[in-house]
Amino acid sequence: MYFTKGTQCHSTLTMKTPVIFVSHGAPTLPLEPGATGAAWRALGASLAKPRAILLVSAHWETTAPVVSGAHSPATIHDFSGFPDALYRLRYAAQGAPDLADEVVSLLTQVGIAASVDVTRGLDHGAWVPLSFFFPDADIPVAQLSIQPAQNAAWHFNLGVALQALRDKGVLIIGSGSITHNLRAVFSHPADTAAPTWVSEFCDWIDEKIQARDFAALRNYRSLAPHAAQNHPTDEHLLPLFVALGAAGNHAYAERLNQVMTYGLLAMDAWLFTD
């Protein structure tokens, strides 16, 4: 099994599947892929085909963890006011009910109550990036919800509980956004450079990821520069903490796609491999 790191291919001794955090951007990305679409296609092509995918999206919020267990999950168009072509898109991957049961079992073992929803489809935080990573939609997918009432540490521990899936061929993907101040996006000229309050935050996150300073990351709201300005609410960064927990202490972290869209919406991603 091989995964791309920069321009080199490295054999993974433990045969663990990688973990990804991706900034999924605006729903229109499939219609306007640009540099990000090309980067996501290249990343998908670099990955060995996993047995299944567990995707943690910022767009499914619940009180306690819920896993989608539908056999044929619908494509959810959870947005409005966009071109008609976007609503005609479908991502026809099969569901992964067996994986959903595995996730519930793993979480239950560490005292986290979880359940399965057999009707839930894939929201755009899931199907938009997956349509670039795996355009043939030939890998079963289960989606795991986030808990916005819980903090970063909770979601990190959630990820830790899922680490065993990496030994079973499951690709874990956190899908959110490294910056997500939409009010600022709508008032910032899209064709101007991002202000320092955006770039300094993104660089701080990467610095702590590379240093494996998980304690600082879990306390990002009090320690990171401009944290509240970049994330007025937590939900779009919470999938990163699930990814960090699932990746563990020894994973190699590669920062990808340092692209800025709409002036303020950073599209950074991280690939974690052992």
C-alpha atoms as a PDB file:
ATOM      1  CA  MET A   1       0.000   0.000   0.000  1.00  0.00           C
ATOM      2  CA  TYR A   2       1.402   3.371  -1.003  1.00  0.00           C
ATOM      3  CA  PHE A   3       0.463   6.952  -0.308  1.00  0.00           C
ATOM      4  CA  THR A   4       1.899  10.063  -1.923  1.00  0.00           C
ATOM      5  CA  LYS A   5       3.910  12.421   0.274  1.00  0.00           C
ATOM      6  CA  GLY A   6       5.052  15.362  -1.769  1.00  0.00           C
ATOM      7  CA  THR A   7       6.676  13.853  -4.865  1.00  0.00           C
ATOM      8  CA  GLN A   8       7.734  10.618  -3.191  1.00  0.00           C
ATOM      9  CA  CYS A   9       5.878   7.371  -2.578  1.00  0.00           C
ATOM     10  CA  HIS A  10       6.372   5.802   0.826  1.00  0.00           C
ATOM     11  CA  SER A  11       5.443   2.256   1.770  1.00  0.00           C
ATOM     12  CA  THR A  12       3.397   2.082   4.954  1.00  0.00           C
ATOM     13  CA  LEU A  13       4.786  -0.585   7.239  1.00  0.00           C
ATOM     14  CA  THR A  14       1.682  -0.875   9.376  1.00  0.00           C
ATOM     15  CA  MET A  15      -0.738  -0.944   6.423  1.00  0.00           C
ATOM     16  CA  LYS A  16      -2.920   1.606   8.139  1.00  0.00           C
ATOM     17  CA  THR A  17      -5.232   3.648   5.997  1.00  0.00           C
ATOM     18  CA  PRO A  18      -4.599   7.390   6.130  1.00  0.00           C
ATOM     19  CA  VAL A  19      -6.738  10.095   7.686  1.00  0.00           C
ATOM     20  CA  ILE A  20      -7.719  13.294   5.873  1.00  0.00           C
ATOM     21  CA  PHE A  21      -9.034  16.658   6.937  1.00  0.00           C
ATOM     22  CA  VAL A  22     -10.409  18.678   4.053  1.00  0.00           C
ATOM     23  CA  SER A  23     -11.853  22.171   3.835  1.00  0.00           C
ATOM     24  CA  HIS A  24     -14.844  21.457   1.624  1.00  0.00           C
ATOM     25  CA  GLY A  25     -15.486  25.045   0.530  1.00  0.00           C
ATOM     26  CA  ALA A  26     -18.652  26.350  -1.065  1.00  0.00           C
ATOM     27  CA  PRO A  27     -21.269  23.941  -2.463  1.00  0.00           C
ATOM     28  CA  THR A  28     -20.460  25.277  -5.946  1.00  0.00           C
ATOM     29  CA  LEU A  29     -17.042  23.611  -5.973  1.00  0.00           C
ATOM     30  CA  PRO A  30     -18.234  20.840  -8.363  1.00  0.00           C
ATOM     31  CA  LEU A  31     -19.232  23.537 -10.870  1.00  0.00           C
ATOM     32  CA  GLU A  32     -16.126  25.688 -10.301  1.00  0.00           C
ATOM     33  CA  PRO A  33     -13.398  23.216  -9.326  1.00  0.00           C
ATOM     34  CA  GLY A  34     -10.363  25.383 -10.077  1.00  0.00           C
ATOM     35  CA  ALA A  35      -7.095  24.581  -8.321  1.00  0.00           C
ATOM     36  CA  THR A  36      -8.869  22.958  -5.376  1.00  0.00           C
ATOM     37  CA  GLY A  37     -10.735  20.481  -7.567  1.00  0.00           C
ATOM     38  CA  ALA A  38      -7.478  19.524  -9.266  1.00  0.00           C
ATOM     39  CA  ALA A  39      -5.785  19.065  -5.873  1.00  0.00           C
ATOM     40  CA  TRP A  40      -8.606  16.864  -4.580  1.00  0.00           C
ATOM     41  CA  ARG A  41      -8.516  14.695  -7.720  1.00  0.00           C
ATOM     42  CA  ALA A  42      -4.759  14.264  -7.372  1.00  0.00           C
ATOM     43  CA  LEU A  43      -5.094  13.371  -3.694  1.00  0.00           C
ATOM     44  CA  GLY A  44      -7.752  10.771  -4.424  1.00  0.00           C
ATOM     45  CA  ALA A  45      -5.634   9.250  -7.189  1.00  0.00           C
ATOM     46  CA  SER A  46      -2.684   8.935  -4.767  1.00  0.00           C
ATOM     47  CA  LEU A  47      -4.612   6.821  -2.268  1.00  0.00           C
ATOM     48  CA  ALA A  48      -4.886   3.065  -2.214  1.00  0.00           C
ATOM     49  CA  LYS A  49      -8.538   2.071  -2.479  1.00  0.00           C
ATOM     50  CA  PRO A  50      -9.988   1.699   1.031  1.00  0.00           C
ATOM     51  CA  ARG A  51     -12.504  -0.904   2.123  1.00  0.00           C
ATOM     52  CA  ALA A  52     -14.916   1.845   3.184  1.00  0.00           C
ATOM     53  CA  ILE A  53     -15.032   5.531   4.113  1.00  0.00           C
ATOM     54  CA  LEU A  54     -16.130   7.101   7.380  1.00  0.00           C
ATOM     55  CA  LEU A  55     -16.779  10.776   6.756  1.00  0.00           C
ATOM     56  CA  VAL A  56     -17.298  13.316   9.547  1.00  0.00           C
ATOM     57  CA  SER A  57     -19.042  16.387   8.143  1.00  0.00           C
ATOM     58  CA  ALA A  58     -19.599  19.755   9.787  1.00  0.00           C
ATOM     59  CA  HIS A  59     -23.078  19.749   8.257  1.00  0.00           C
ATOM     60  CA  TRP A  60     -24.567  16.985  10.372  1.00  0.00           C
ATOM     61  CA  GLU A  61     -25.073  18.169  13.950  1.00  0.00           C
ATOM     62  CA  THR A  62     -26.586  16.010  16.692  1.00  0.00           C
ATOM     63  CA  THR A  63     -26.628  15.908  20.475  1.00  0.00           C
ATOM     64  CA  ALA A  64     -24.890  12.512  20.605  1.00  0.00           C
ATOM     65  CA  PRO A  65     -22.957  10.726  17.830  1.00  0.00           C
ATOM     66  CA  VAL A  66     -25.061   9.211  15.072  1.00  0.00           C
ATOM     67  CA  VAL A  67     -23.779   7.131  12.162  1.00  0.00           C
ATOM     68  CA  SER A  68     -25.568   6.792   8.842  1.00  0.00           C
ATOM     69  CA  GLY A  69     -26.545   3.213   8.117  1.00  0.00           C
ATOM     70  CA  ALA A  70     -28.521   3.564   4.876  1.00  0.00           C
ATOM     71  CA  HIS A  71     -27.761   0.949   2.214  1.00  0.00           C
ATOM     72  CA  SER A  72     -28.126   3.532  -0.583  1.00  0.00           C
ATOM     73  CA  PRO A  73     -27.704   7.010   0.942  1.00  0.00           C
ATOM     74  CA  ALA A  74     -29.376   9.880  -0.866  1.00  0.00           C
ATOM     75  CA  THR A  75     -27.466  12.928  -2.052  1.00  0.00           C
ATOM     76  CA  ILE A  76     -28.624  15.770   0.210  1.00  0.00           C
ATOM     77  CA  HIS A  77     -28.664  19.241  -1.340  1.00  0.00           C
ATOM     78  CA  ASP A  78     -28.572  21.103   1.963  1.00  0.00           C
ATOM     79  CA  PHE A  79     -28.293  24.616   0.530  1.00  0.00           C
ATOM     80  CA  SER A  80     -30.393  27.089  -1.435  1.00  0.00           C
ATOM     81  CA  GLY A  81     -30.024  29.832  -3.995  1.00  0.00           C
ATOM     82  CA  PHE A  82     -27.457  28.099  -6.220  1.00  0.00           C
ATOM     83  CA  PRO A  83     -27.552  27.183  -9.932  1.00  0.00           C
ATOM     84  CA  ASP A  84     -29.985  24.437 -10.944  1.00  0.00           C
ATOM     85  CA  ALA A  85     -27.127  22.291 -12.228  1.00  0.00           C
ATOM     86  CA  LEU A  86     -25.910  21.819  -8.683  1.00  0.00           C
ATOM     87  CA  TYR A  87     -29.209  20.278  -7.564  1.00  0.00           C
ATOM     88  CA  ARG A  88     -29.037  17.731 -10.371  1.00  0.00           C
ATOM     89  CA  LEU A  89     -25.763  16.285  -9.133  1.00  0.00           C
ATOM     90  CA  ARG A  90     -25.853  12.903  -7.421  1.00  0.00           C
ATOM     91  CA  TYR A  91     -23.165  10.897  -5.639  1.00  0.00           C
ATOM     92  CA  ALA A  92     -24.406   7.334  -5.893  1.00  0.00           C
ATOM     93  CA  ALA A  93     -22.083   5.511  -3.501  1.00  0.00           C
ATOM     94  CA  GLN A  94     -23.415   2.591  -1.526  1.00  0.00           C
ATOM     95  CA  GLY A  95     -23.788   2.949   2.214  1.00  0.00           C
ATOM     96  CA  ALA A  96     -21.786   1.013   4.782  1.00  0.00           C
ATOM     97  CA  PRO A  97     -24.212  -0.285   7.423  1.00  0.00           C
ATOM     98  CA  ASP A  98     -21.639  -2.786   8.713  1.00  0.00           C
ATOM     99  CA  LEU A  99     -19.204   0.059   9.273  1.00  0.00           C
ATOM    100  CA  ALA A 100     -21.922   2.045  11.056  1.00  0.00           C
ATOM    101  CA  ASP A 101     -22.330  -0.834  13.487  1.00  0.00           C
ATOM    102  CA  GLU A 102     -18.539  -1.016  14.000  1.00  0.00           C
ATOM    103  CA  VAL A 103     -18.409   2.686  14.817  1.00  0.00           C
ATOM    104  CA  VAL A 104     -21.215   2.397  17.369  1.00  0.00           C
ATOM    105  CA  SER A 105     -19.438  -0.574  18.972  1.00  0.00           C
ATOM    106  CA  LEU A 106     -16.108   1.272  19.221  1.00  0.00           C
ATOM    107  CA  LEU A 107     -17.710   4.356  20.749  1.00  0.00           C
ATOM    108  CA  THR A 108     -19.779   2.305  23.169  1.00  0.00           C
ATOM    109  CA  GLN A 109     -16.618   0.565  24.398  1.00  0.00           C
ATOM    110  CA  VAL A 110     -15.226   3.916  25.588  1.00  0.00           C
ATOM    111  CA  GLY A 111     -18.481   5.060  27.158  1.00  0.00           C
ATOM    112  CA  ILE A 112     -19.780   7.247  24.323  1.00  0.00           C
ATOM    113  CA  ALA A 113     -23.424   6.580  23.532  1.00  0.00           C
ATOM    114  CA  ALA A 114     -24.015   6.384  19.786  1.00  0.00           C
ATOM    115  CA  SER A 115     -26.721   5.222  17.410  1.00  0.00           C
ATOM    116  CA  VAL A 116     -27.394   4.451  13.739  1.00  0.00           C
ATOM    117  CA  ASP A 117     -29.731   6.388  11.436  1.00  0.00           C
ATOM    118  CA  VAL A 118     -30.798   4.156   8.538  1.00  0.00           C
ATOM    119  CA  THR A 119     -32.393   7.028   6.592  1.00  0.00           C
ATOM    120  CA  ARG A 120     -29.634   9.649   6.609  1.00  0.00           C
ATOM    121  CA  GLY A 121     -28.071  10.560   3.251  1.00  0.00           C
ATOM    122  CA  LEU A 122     -24.810  12.333   2.410  1.00  0.00           C
ATOM    123  CA  ASP A 123     -24.770  16.116   2.875  1.00  0.00           C
ATOM    124  CA  HIS A 124     -22.635  18.395   0.734  1.00  0.00           C
ATOM    125  CA  GLY A 125     -19.815  18.303   3.281  1.00  0.00           C
ATOM    126  CA  ALA A 126     -19.544  14.631   2.334  1.00  0.00           C
ATOM    127  CA  TRP A 127     -20.472  14.247  -1.327  1.00  0.00           C
ATOM    128  CA  VAL A 128     -18.700  17.355  -2.638  1.00  0.00           C
ATOM    129  CA  PRO A 129     -15.163  16.277  -1.619  1.00  0.00           C
ATOM    130  CA  LEU A 130     -15.920  12.597  -2.295  1.00  0.00           C
ATOM    131  CA  SER A 131     -16.960  13.418  -5.852  1.00  0.00           C
ATOM    132  CA  PHE A 132     -13.390  14.605  -6.440  1.00  0.00           C
ATOM    133  CA  PHE A 133     -11.542  11.989  -4.365  1.00  0.00           C
ATOM    134  CA  PHE A 134     -13.485   8.994  -5.687  1.00  0.00           C
ATOM    135  CA  PRO A 135     -15.516  10.117  -8.724  1.00  0.00           C
ATOM    136  CA  ASP A 136     -16.616   6.547  -9.535  1.00  0.00           C
ATOM    137  CA  ALA A 137     -18.517   6.420  -6.214  1.00  0.00           C
ATOM    138  CA  ASP A 138     -17.415   2.795  -5.871  1.00  0.00           C
ATOM    139  CA  ILE A 139     -16.480   2.808  -2.166  1.00  0.00           C
ATOM    140  CA  PRO A 140     -19.112   2.343   0.564  1.00  0.00           C
ATOM    141  CA  VAL A 141     -19.596   5.424   2.758  1.00  0.00           C
ATOM    142  CA  ALA A 142     -20.927   6.002   6.258  1.00  0.00           C
ATOM    143  CA  GLN A 143     -21.232   9.467   7.736  1.00  0.00           C
ATOM    144  CA  LEU A 144     -20.683  10.373  11.401  1.00  0.00           C
ATOM    145  CA  SER A 145     -22.267  13.436  12.995  1.00  0.00           C
ATOM    146  CA  ILE A 146     -20.585  16.100  15.117  1.00  0.00           C
ATOM    147  CA  GLN A 147     -21.764  17.450  18.474  1.00  0.00           C
ATOM    148  CA  PRO A 148     -21.598  21.255  18.439  1.00  0.00           C
ATOM    149  CA  ALA A 149     -22.443  21.409  22.144  1.00  0.00           C
ATOM    150  CA  GLN A 150     -19.201  19.530  22.832  1.00  0.00           C
ATOM    151  CA  ASN A 151     -15.706  21.018  22.548  1.00  0.00           C
ATOM    152  CA  ALA A 152     -12.568  20.231  20.590  1.00  0.00           C
ATOM    153  CA  ALA A 153     -11.264  17.813  23.237  1.00  0.00           C
ATOM    154  CA  TRP A 154     -14.481  15.772  23.051  1.00  0.00           C
ATOM    155  CA  HIS A 155     -14.106  15.422  19.279  1.00  0.00           C
ATOM    156  CA  PHE A 156     -10.413  14.580  19.571  1.00  0.00           C
ATOM    157  CA  ASN A 157     -11.319  11.733  21.952  1.00  0.00           C
ATOM    158  CA  LEU A 158     -14.039  10.651  19.538  1.00  0.00           C
ATOM    159  CA  GLY A 159     -11.340  10.292  16.891  1.00  0.00           C
ATOM    160  CA  VAL A 160      -9.054   8.364  19.239  1.00  0.00           C
ATOM    161  CA  ALA A 161     -11.848   5.835  19.767  1.00  0.00           C
ATOM    162  CA  LEU A 162     -11.986   5.271  16.000  1.00  0.00           C
ATOM    163  CA  GLN A 163      -8.280   4.572  15.464  1.00  0.00           C
ATOM    164  CA  ALA A 164      -8.821   0.809  15.165  1.00  0.00           C
ATOM    165  CA  LEU A 165     -10.743   1.368  11.921  1.00  0.00           C
ATOM    166  CA  ARG A 166      -7.493   2.355  10.220  1.00  0.00           C
ATOM    167  CA  ASP A 167      -6.216  -1.200  10.683  1.00  0.00           C
ATOM    168  CA  LYS A 168      -9.340  -2.491   8.925  1.00  0.00           C
ATOM    169  CA  GLY A 169      -9.060  -0.562   5.681  1.00  0.00           C
ATOM    170  CA  VAL A 170     -11.363   2.336   6.600  1.00  0.00           C
ATOM    171  CA  LEU A 171     -10.448   5.792   5.347  1.00  0.00           C
ATOM    172  CA  ILE A 172     -11.470   8.442   7.898  1.00  0.00           C
ATOM    173  CA  ILE A 173     -12.160  11.908   6.477  1.00  0.00           C
ATOM    174  CA  GLY A 174     -12.992  15.027   8.474  1.00  0.00           C
ATOM    175  CA  SER A 175     -14.752  17.594   6.293  1.00  0.00           C
ATOM    176  CA  GLY A 176     -15.146  21.151   7.530  1.00  0.00           C
ATOM    177  CA  SER A 177     -13.254  24.392   6.959  1.00  0.00           C
ATOM    178  CA  ILE A 178     -10.005  25.743   8.341  1.00  0.00           C
ATOM    179  CA  THR A 179     -11.604  29.219   8.354  1.00  0.00           C
ATOM    180  CA  HIS A 180     -15.333  29.864   8.438  1.00  0.00           C
ATOM    181  CA  ASN A 181     -16.442  33.420   9.090  1.00  0.00           C
ATOM    182  CA  LEU A 182     -19.151  33.730   6.447  1.00  0.00           C
ATOM    183  CA  ARG A 183     -20.239  37.194   7.539  1.00  0.00           C
ATOM    184  CA  ALA A 184     -16.707  38.434   6.893  1.00  0.00           C
ATOM    185  CA  VAL A 185     -16.566  36.533   3.588  1.00  0.00           C
ATOM    186  CA  PHE A 186     -19.659  38.308   2.302  1.00  0.00           C
ATOM    187  CA  SER A 187     -18.211  41.719   3.154  1.00  0.00           C
ATOM    188  CA  HIS A 188     -14.623  41.120   1.981  1.00  0.00           C
ATOM    189  CA  PRO A 189     -13.666  41.782  -1.673  1.00  0.00           C
ATOM    190  CA  ALA A 190     -13.072  38.352  -3.177  1.00  0.00           C
ATOM    191  CA  ASP A 191     -10.209  39.504  -5.377  1.00  0.00           C
ATOM    192  CA  THR A 192      -8.045  40.899  -2.563  1.00  0.00           C
ATOM    193  CA  ALA A 193      -5.482  39.097  -0.454  1.00  0.00           C
ATOM    194  CA  ALA A 194      -6.544  37.474   2.774  1.00  0.00           C
ATOM    195  CA  PRO A 195      -5.822  39.611   5.837  1.00  0.00           C
ATOM    196  CA  THR A 196      -3.246  38.529   8.395  1.00  0.00           C
ATOM    197  CA  TRP A 197      -5.934  37.408  10.842  1.00  0.00           C
ATOM    198  CA  VAL A 198      -6.704  34.573   8.407  1.00  0.00           C
ATOM    199  CA  SER A 199      -3.172  33.578   7.403  1.00  0.00           C
ATOM    200  CA  GLU A 200      -1.822  33.752  10.956  1.00  0.00           C
ATOM    201  CA  PHE A 201      -4.572  31.438  12.180  1.00  0.00           C
ATOM    202  CA  CYS A 202      -4.016  28.888   9.415  1.00  0.00           C
ATOM    203  CA  ASP A 203      -0.258  28.892   9.976  1.00  0.00           C
ATOM    204  CA  TRP A 204      -0.694  28.472  13.739  1.00  0.00           C
ATOM    205  CA  ILE A 205      -2.916  25.423  13.197  1.00  0.00           C
ATOM    206  CA  ASP A 206      -0.343  23.858  10.870  1.00  0.00           C
ATOM    207  CA  GLU A 207       2.538  24.671  13.218  1.00  0.00           C
ATOM    208  CA  LYS A 208       0.808  22.889  16.083  1.00  0.00           C
ATOM    209  CA  ILE A 209      -0.176  19.945  13.888  1.00  0.00           C
ATOM    210  CA  GLN A 210       3.417  19.497  12.734  1.00  0.00           C
ATOM    211  CA  ALA A 211       4.636  19.738  16.341  1.00  0.00           C
ATOM    212  CA  ARG A 212       1.913  17.271  17.460  1.00  0.00           C
ATOM    213  CA  ASP A 213       0.962  19.832  20.081  1.00  0.00           C
ATOM    214  CA  PHE A 214      -2.515  18.429  20.559  1.00  0.00           C
ATOM    215  CA  ALA A 215      -2.961  20.153  23.918  1.00  0.00           C
ATOM    216  CA  ALA A 216      -2.588  23.554  22.250  1.00  0.00           C
ATOM    217  CA  LEU A 217      -4.862  22.534  19.380  1.00  0.00           C
ATOM    218  CA  ARG A 218      -7.582  21.349  21.743  1.00  0.00           C
ATOM    219  CA  ASN A 219      -7.401  24.793  23.395  1.00  0.00           C
ATOM    220  CA  TYR A 220      -7.249  26.680  20.120  1.00  0.00           C
ATOM    221  CA  ARG A 221     -10.032  29.080  21.065  1.00  0.00           C
ATOM    222  CA  SER A 222      -7.918  30.586  23.832  1.00  0.00           C
ATOM    223  CA  LEU A 223      -4.439  30.056  22.310  1.00  0.00           C
ATOM    224  CA  ALA A 224      -4.661  30.482  18.529  1.00  0.00           C
ATOM    225  CA  PRO A 225      -4.381  33.975  17.059  1.00  0.00           C
ATOM    226  CA  HIS A 226      -7.736  35.368  15.891  1.00  0.00           C
ATOM    227  CA  ALA A 227      -9.562  32.123  16.734  1.00  0.00           C
ATOM    228  CA  ALA A 228     -12.988  33.642  17.317  1.00  0.00           C
ATOM    229  CA  GLN A 229     -12.654  35.850  14.242  1.00  0.00           C
ATOM    230  CA  ASN A 230     -11.989  32.841  12.026  1.00  0.00           C
ATOM    231  CA  HIS A 231     -14.537  30.616  13.773  1.00  0.00           C
ATOM    232  CA  PRO A 232     -17.400  32.526  15.394  1.00  0.00           C
ATOM    233  CA  THR A 233     -18.762  29.034  16.092  1.00  0.00           C
ATOM    234  CA  ASP A 234     -16.854  25.745  16.355  1.00  0.00           C
ATOM    235  CA  GLU A 235     -18.721  23.381  14.070  1.00  0.00           C
ATOM    236  CA  HIS A 236     -16.597  23.715  10.923  1.00  0.00           C
ATOM    237  CA  LEU A 237     -13.349  23.021  12.779  1.00  0.00           C
ATOM    238  CA  LEU A 238     -14.627  20.118  14.891  1.00  0.00           C
ATOM    239  CA  PRO A 239     -14.050  17.510  12.131  1.00  0.00           C
ATOM    240  CA  LEU A 240     -10.347  18.427  12.265  1.00  0.00           C
ATOM    241  CA  PHE A 241     -10.162  17.249  15.867  1.00  0.00           C
ATOM    242  CA  VAL A 242     -11.811  13.941  14.998  1.00  0.00           C
ATOM    243  CA  ALA A 243      -9.188  13.528  12.261  1.00  0.00           C
ATOM    244  CA  LEU A 244      -6.349  14.410  14.642  1.00  0.00           C
ATOM    245  CA  GLY A 245      -7.538  11.908  17.227  1.00  0.00           C
ATOM    246  CA  ALA A 246      -7.944   9.172  14.623  1.00  0.00           C
ATOM    247  CA  ALA A 247      -4.501   9.882  13.154  1.00  0.00           C
ATOM    248  CA  GLY A 248      -2.786   9.488  16.522  1.00  0.00           C
ATOM    249  CA  ASN A 249       0.513  10.682  17.905  1.00  0.00           C
ATOM    250  CA  HIS A 250       2.888   9.376  15.255  1.00  0.00           C
ATOM    251  CA  ALA A 251       1.253  10.114  11.916  1.00  0.00           C
ATOM    252  CA  TYR A 252       3.114  12.153   9.324  1.00  0.00           C
ATOM    253  CA  ALA A 253       1.079  15.296   8.561  1.00  0.00           C
ATOM    254  CA  GLU A 254       1.222  16.898   5.123  1.00  0.00           C
ATOM    255  CA  ARG A 255      -0.424  20.258   4.600  1.00  0.00           C
ATOM    256  CA  LEU A 256      -2.107  20.465   1.207  1.00  0.00           C
ATOM    257  CA  ASN A 257      -3.803  23.017  -1.034  1.00  0.00           C
ATOM    258  CA  GLN A 258      -3.059  26.381   0.585  1.00  0.00           C
ATOM    259  CA  VAL A 259      -5.638  28.052  -1.620  1.00  0.00           C
ATOM    260  CA  MET A 260      -7.795  30.994  -0.558  1.00  0.00           C
ATOM    261  CA  THR A 261     -11.294  31.377  -2.002  1.00  0.00           C
ATOM    262  CA  TYR A 262     -13.662  34.331  -1.680  1.00  0.00           C
ATOM    263  CA  GLY A 263     -10.799  36.274  -0.122  1.00  0.00           C
ATOM    264  CA  LEU A 264     -11.193  34.681   3.323  1.00  0.00           C
ATOM    265  CA  LEU A 265     -12.247  31.048   2.949  1.00  0.00           C
ATOM    266  CA  ALA A 266      -9.095  28.940   3.256  1.00  0.00           C
ATOM    267  CA  MET A 267      -9.114  25.565   1.516  1.00  0.00           C
ATOM    268  CA  ASP A 268      -6.226  23.927   3.395  1.00  0.00           C
ATOM    269  CA  ALA A 269      -6.256  20.189   3.976  1.00  0.00           C
ATOM    270  CA  TRP A 270      -4.034  17.734   5.841  1.00  0.00           C
ATOM    271  CA  LEU A 271      -3.160  14.163   4.956  1.00  0.00           C
ATOM    272  CA  PHE A 272      -2.092  12.003   7.892  1.00  0.00           C
ATOM    273  CA  THR A 273      -0.167   8.790   7.162  1.00  0.00           C
ATOM    274  CA  ASP A 274       1.850   6.289   9.211  1.00  0.00           C
END
